[in-house]
């Protein structure tokens, strides 16, 4: 636990340190607590291990005022003592992924056996198969990896392994844990084309508007058609039409459904992650 007394010393001690500024009464902080603890445990076992800290901003007011903390929870990332904003998600996996991406290489080399393991365990992963000199690797895969925080990036140079995943020569395969599990990229060798292709693949064709998908809608600012209906309407004819439209326009719009407008507003507040009073 960080305090006014030990904060500067602890920040100097660690090359990398994520700090949560929280308030004991904050509902969003209470919700984050188990995820943050789980992330801390996972990161402590990493090679090398990484530390994350917490500071009660209602008690340790000197440090909180120094860093201009106004809403809770606020997470800040310290690299060699220099603070910057944490821009990752609020789940344990998202926190771990964000930190590993900030502290490690943009893309990690895997054996074919490791590709099989990671492609079925990571929520989202992108694997480049082929030459590390190709434009697809340098201009698309690596550059996208440098800015994307929700996907884990890997590469493999084994041609036989690439064939197993439907790739000949240089290619990219996006892995996810729902619907079509592996998706072969067929676009241009540049970051923006790759990013635009992957965005809609990060949510199901039709999905219930929940916290799991809120970042894809608001965070990535994707065009989304939201259908408001009652729970008992799940099998209604208009739901079938909605799902058919989602298949036709997949990649152009996201298709979601929810119960009430308040549900959307509440989830949006959670996504913002700020509770100041």
Protein backbone atom coordinates (compact mmCIF):
# COMPACT_ATOMS: atom_id res chain seq x y z
CA UNK A 1 0.00 0.00 0.00
CA UNK A 2 1.38 3.38 -1.00
CA UNK A 3 1.37 6.41 1.29
CA UNK A 4 2.50 10.03 1.27
CA UNK A 5 5.59 8.88 3.16
CA UNK A 6 6.76 6.09 0.86
CA UNK A 7 5.32 7.07 -2.53
CA UNK A 8 8.39 8.76 -4.05
CA UNK A 9 10.68 6.00 -2.80
CA UNK A 10 8.50 3.24 -4.27
CA UNK A 11 8.15 4.98 -7.63
CA UNK A 12 11.94 5.38 -7.86
CA UNK A 13 12.42 1.73 -6.93
CA UNK A 14 10.49 0.44 -9.95
CA UNK A 15 11.29 1.14 -13.61
CA UNK A 16 7.61 0.47 -14.33
CA UNK A 17 4.77 0.94 -11.84
CA UNK A 18 1.00 1.19 -12.24
CA UNK A 19 -0.73 3.08 -9.42
CA UNK A 20 -4.44 3.17 -8.61
CA UNK A 21 -5.66 6.25 -6.76
CA UNK A 22 -8.89 5.23 -5.03
CA UNK A 23 -11.47 6.18 -2.40
CA UNK A 24 -12.84 3.56 0.05
CA UNK A 25 -16.45 4.63 -0.61
CA UNK A 26 -16.12 4.58 -4.42
CA UNK A 27 -18.33 1.96 -6.07
CA UNK A 28 -16.19 1.70 -9.20
CA UNK A 29 -13.10 1.24 -7.00
CA UNK A 30 -14.78 -1.64 -5.14
CA UNK A 31 -15.66 -3.26 -8.46
CA UNK A 32 -12.09 -2.85 -9.71
CA UNK A 33 -10.51 -4.22 -6.50
CA UNK A 34 -10.68 -8.00 -7.24
CA UNK A 35 -9.57 -7.46 -10.84
CA UNK A 36 -6.66 -5.30 -9.70
CA UNK A 37 -5.62 -7.90 -7.09
CA UNK A 38 -5.78 -10.69 -9.66
CA UNK A 39 -3.66 -8.66 -12.07
CA UNK A 40 -1.11 -7.99 -9.31
CA UNK A 41 -0.81 -11.72 -8.61
CA UNK A 42 -0.33 -12.57 -12.29
CA UNK A 43 2.23 -9.81 -12.82
CA UNK A 44 4.21 -10.86 -9.74
CA UNK A 45 4.80 -14.24 -11.42
CA UNK A 46 5.90 -12.75 -14.72
CA UNK A 47 9.53 -13.02 -15.81
CA UNK A 48 10.57 -10.36 -14.98
CA UNK A 49 7.95 -9.62 -12.30
CA UNK A 50 6.09 -6.30 -12.30
CA UNK A 51 4.54 -4.46 -9.36
CA UNK A 52 1.36 -2.41 -9.18
CA UNK A 53 0.33 -0.18 -6.27
CA UNK A 54 -2.68 1.47 -4.65
CA UNK A 55 -3.04 4.74 -2.78
CA UNK A 56 -6.05 5.88 -0.74
CA UNK A 57 -6.44 9.41 -2.09
CA UNK A 58 -8.81 10.39 0.75
CA UNK A 59 -6.12 9.70 3.36
CA UNK A 60 -2.89 10.31 1.44
CA UNK A 61 -3.88 13.76 0.24
CA UNK A 62 -0.40 15.16 -0.41
CA UNK A 63 0.35 12.77 -3.28
CA UNK A 64 -3.23 12.91 -4.58
CA UNK A 65 -3.06 16.70 -4.81
CA UNK A 66 0.40 16.57 -6.41
CA UNK A 67 -0.98 14.48 -9.27
CA UNK A 68 -4.26 16.34 -9.56
CA UNK A 69 -6.50 13.39 -8.67
CA UNK A 70 -10.16 14.40 -8.89
CA UNK A 71 -12.12 11.28 -9.86
CA UNK A 72 -11.93 7.69 -8.66
CA UNK A 73 -10.49 5.35 -9.55
CA UNK A 74 -7.68 7.09 -11.42
CA UNK A 75 -4.84 4.90 -12.69
CA UNK A 76 -1.45 6.33 -13.59
CA UNK A 77 1.49 4.62 -15.24
CA UNK A 78 5.01 5.50 -14.06
CA UNK A 79 8.03 4.78 -16.24
CA UNK A 80 11.32 5.75 -14.60
CA UNK A 81 9.33 8.06 -12.35
CA UNK A 82 7.53 9.86 -15.18
CA UNK A 83 3.72 9.65 -14.96
CA UNK A 84 1.31 9.13 -17.85
CA UNK A 85 -2.33 8.11 -18.13
CA UNK A 86 -3.31 4.45 -18.03
CA UNK A 87 -5.46 3.82 -21.11
CA UNK A 88 -6.26 0.13 -20.74
CA UNK A 89 -9.32 -1.78 -19.60
CA UNK A 90 -10.54 -2.53 -16.08
CA UNK A 91 -10.37 -6.34 -16.04
CA UNK A 92 -7.42 -8.36 -14.76
CA UNK A 93 -6.61 -9.65 -18.25
CA UNK A 94 -6.78 -6.15 -19.74
CA UNK A 95 -4.48 -4.71 -17.06
CA UNK A 96 -1.93 -7.51 -17.49
CA UNK A 97 -2.05 -7.27 -21.29
CA UNK A 98 -1.61 -3.49 -21.22
CA UNK A 99 1.40 -3.63 -18.91
CA UNK A 100 3.11 -6.46 -20.80
CA UNK A 101 2.62 -4.54 -24.03
CA UNK A 102 4.09 -1.38 -22.49
CA UNK A 103 7.13 -3.22 -21.14
CA UNK A 104 7.84 -5.81 -23.81
CA UNK A 105 8.31 -6.18 -27.56
CA UNK A 106 5.44 -5.27 -29.90
CA UNK A 107 5.19 -8.86 -31.10
CA UNK A 108 6.41 -12.12 -29.53
CA UNK A 109 7.82 -15.05 -31.51
CA UNK A 110 6.00 -18.35 -31.01
CA UNK A 111 6.61 -21.93 -32.04
CA UNK A 112 3.76 -23.65 -33.88
CA UNK A 113 2.82 -25.48 -30.68
CA UNK A 114 2.70 -22.19 -28.82
CA UNK A 115 0.49 -20.71 -31.54
CA UNK A 116 -2.02 -23.50 -30.89
CA UNK A 117 -1.92 -22.79 -27.16
CA UNK A 118 -2.19 -19.00 -27.34
CA UNK A 119 -4.84 -18.97 -30.06
CA UNK A 120 -7.21 -20.87 -27.76
CA UNK A 121 -6.38 -19.07 -24.51
CA UNK A 122 -6.02 -15.36 -25.36
CA UNK A 123 -9.27 -13.46 -25.80
CA UNK A 124 -7.91 -11.78 -28.93
CA UNK A 125 -4.60 -12.48 -30.65
CA UNK A 126 -3.08 -11.63 -34.02
CA UNK A 127 -0.39 -13.87 -35.49
CA UNK A 128 1.85 -12.92 -38.40
CA UNK A 129 3.11 -15.89 -40.39
CA UNK A 130 6.08 -15.45 -42.72
CA UNK A 131 9.06 -13.16 -43.18
CA UNK A 132 9.79 -10.45 -40.63
CA UNK A 133 11.05 -8.33 -43.52
CA UNK A 134 7.67 -8.24 -45.27
CA UNK A 135 5.60 -5.05 -45.51
CA UNK A 136 2.71 -6.93 -43.92
CA UNK A 137 4.83 -7.46 -40.80
CA UNK A 138 6.61 -4.09 -40.59
CA UNK A 139 3.88 -1.75 -41.86
CA UNK A 140 0.75 -3.49 -40.62
CA UNK A 141 1.41 -5.99 -37.82
CA UNK A 142 4.09 -4.13 -35.87
CA UNK A 143 2.68 -0.64 -36.31
CA UNK A 144 -0.79 -1.77 -35.28
CA UNK A 145 0.71 -3.59 -32.28
CA UNK A 146 2.33 -0.36 -31.09
CA UNK A 147 -1.05 1.36 -30.71
CA UNK A 148 -3.50 -1.47 -29.94
CA UNK A 149 -3.94 -2.54 -26.31
CA UNK A 150 -6.73 -5.14 -26.42
CA UNK A 151 -5.00 -7.66 -28.70
CA UNK A 152 -1.89 -9.78 -28.08
CA UNK A 153 0.52 -9.86 -31.04
CA UNK A 154 2.67 -12.83 -32.08
CA UNK A 155 4.74 -13.96 -35.07
CA UNK A 156 5.88 -17.29 -36.51
CA UNK A 157 8.26 -17.90 -39.44
CA UNK A 158 7.51 -21.61 -40.00
CA UNK A 159 5.92 -22.05 -43.46
CA UNK A 160 4.47 -25.43 -42.49
CA UNK A 161 2.78 -23.85 -39.46
CA UNK A 162 1.34 -21.07 -41.63
CA UNK A 163 -0.22 -23.67 -43.91
CA UNK A 164 -2.07 -25.18 -40.94
CA UNK A 165 -3.88 -21.85 -40.53
CA UNK A 166 -4.68 -21.26 -44.19
CA UNK A 167 -1.77 -18.94 -44.96
CA UNK A 168 0.75 -19.27 -47.78
CA UNK A 169 3.69 -16.89 -47.85
CA UNK A 170 3.18 -13.89 -45.59
CA UNK A 171 -0.17 -13.63 -43.82
CA UNK A 172 -2.06 -12.54 -40.73
CA UNK A 173 -4.60 -14.54 -38.74
CA UNK A 174 -6.84 -12.98 -36.10
CA UNK A 175 -7.92 -15.40 -33.36
CA UNK A 176 -10.92 -14.94 -31.06
CA UNK A 177 -12.98 -17.18 -28.76
CA UNK A 178 -16.43 -16.93 -30.38
CA UNK A 179 -18.13 -17.48 -33.77
CA UNK A 180 -15.40 -17.85 -36.42
CA UNK A 181 -12.41 -18.65 -34.21
CA UNK A 182 -9.70 -17.88 -36.78
CA UNK A 183 -9.96 -15.16 -39.42
CA UNK A 184 -7.43 -14.69 -42.23
CA UNK A 185 -6.65 -11.10 -43.18
CA UNK A 186 -6.86 -10.28 -46.89
CA UNK A 187 -6.37 -6.51 -46.84
CA UNK A 188 -3.56 -4.06 -47.56
CA UNK A 189 -0.21 -4.06 -45.77
CA UNK A 190 -0.83 -0.98 -43.65
CA UNK A 191 -1.92 -0.31 -40.08
CA UNK A 192 -5.17 1.53 -40.78
CA UNK A 193 -6.54 -1.13 -43.14
CA UNK A 194 -5.73 -3.84 -40.60
CA UNK A 195 -7.28 -1.88 -37.72
CA UNK A 196 -10.50 -1.24 -39.67
CA UNK A 197 -10.75 -4.93 -40.54
CA UNK A 198 -10.26 -6.12 -36.96
CA UNK A 199 -12.55 -3.66 -35.16
CA UNK A 200 -15.88 -5.33 -35.99
CA UNK A 201 -14.41 -8.78 -35.35
CA UNK A 202 -13.94 -7.96 -31.66
CA UNK A 203 -17.65 -8.38 -30.93
CA UNK A 204 -20.19 -11.04 -31.98
CA UNK A 205 -22.37 -10.40 -35.04
CA UNK A 206 -25.29 -9.62 -32.70
CA UNK A 207 -24.62 -8.98 -29.02
CA UNK A 208 -26.33 -7.92 -25.84
CA UNK A 209 -25.10 -4.52 -24.74
CA UNK A 210 -22.98 -5.36 -21.66
CA UNK A 211 -19.78 -4.14 -20.08
CA UNK A 212 -17.77 -6.67 -22.08
CA UNK A 213 -18.62 -4.95 -25.36
CA UNK A 214 -18.95 -1.32 -24.26
CA UNK A 215 -15.36 -0.44 -25.18
CA UNK A 216 -15.86 -1.68 -28.74
CA UNK A 217 -18.83 0.68 -29.14
CA UNK A 218 -17.79 3.85 -27.31
CA UNK A 219 -14.03 3.41 -27.00
CA UNK A 220 -13.51 2.61 -30.68
CA UNK A 221 -16.39 4.87 -31.78
CA UNK A 222 -17.84 2.29 -34.13
CA UNK A 223 -21.20 2.86 -35.81
CA UNK A 224 -23.68 0.77 -33.86
CA UNK A 225 -27.36 -0.01 -34.36
CA UNK A 226 -28.95 -0.70 -30.95
CA UNK A 227 -32.33 -2.41 -30.70
CA UNK A 228 -34.30 -1.75 -27.52
CA UNK A 229 -36.64 -4.59 -26.64
CA UNK A 230 -37.98 -6.63 -23.73
CA UNK A 231 -36.33 -9.86 -22.61
CA UNK A 232 -39.37 -11.85 -23.69
CA UNK A 233 -38.85 -10.62 -27.27
CA UNK A 234 -35.76 -12.78 -27.80
CA UNK A 235 -37.58 -15.08 -30.21
CA UNK A 236 -39.77 -12.43 -31.81
CA UNK A 237 -39.87 -12.15 -35.61
CA UNK A 238 -38.21 -8.73 -35.54
CA UNK A 239 -35.22 -10.23 -33.72
CA UNK A 240 -34.81 -12.70 -36.58
CA UNK A 241 -34.88 -9.81 -39.07
CA UNK A 242 -32.37 -7.92 -36.90
CA UNK A 243 -29.97 -10.89 -36.94
CA UNK A 244 -30.35 -11.28 -40.71
CA UNK A 245 -29.50 -7.61 -41.21
CA UNK A 246 -26.48 -8.01 -38.92
CA UNK A 247 -25.11 -10.75 -41.17
CA UNK A 248 -25.67 -8.71 -44.33
CA UNK A 249 -24.07 -5.55 -42.96
CA UNK A 250 -21.33 -7.19 -40.86
CA UNK A 251 -18.22 -5.04 -41.00
CA UNK A 252 -20.15 -1.84 -41.70
CA UNK A 253 -22.15 -1.55 -38.46
CA UNK A 254 -22.25 -3.23 -35.09
CA UNK A 255 -25.60 -4.72 -34.09
CA UNK A 256 -26.56 -4.77 -30.43
CA UNK A 257 -29.69 -5.03 -28.31
CA UNK A 258 -30.61 -3.80 -24.84
CA UNK A 259 -33.54 -3.48 -22.48
CA UNK A 260 -33.77 0.23 -21.70
CA UNK A 261 -32.11 3.56 -22.40
CA UNK A 262 -31.05 3.68 -18.75
CA UNK A 263 -29.10 0.49 -19.28
CA UNK A 264 -27.03 2.21 -21.96
CA UNK A 265 -26.52 5.32 -19.85
CA UNK A 266 -25.46 3.27 -16.83
CA UNK A 267 -22.97 1.23 -18.83
CA UNK A 268 -21.56 4.39 -20.38
CA UNK A 269 -20.93 5.80 -16.89
CA UNK A 270 -19.15 2.58 -15.93
CA UNK A 271 -17.05 2.80 -19.08
CA UNK A 272 -15.94 6.31 -18.16
CA UNK A 273 -14.87 4.86 -14.80
CA UNK A 274 -15.21 8.07 -12.81
CA UNK A 275 -17.10 8.55 -9.58
CA UNK A 276 -16.26 11.89 -8.04
CA UNK A 277 -18.87 12.24 -5.33
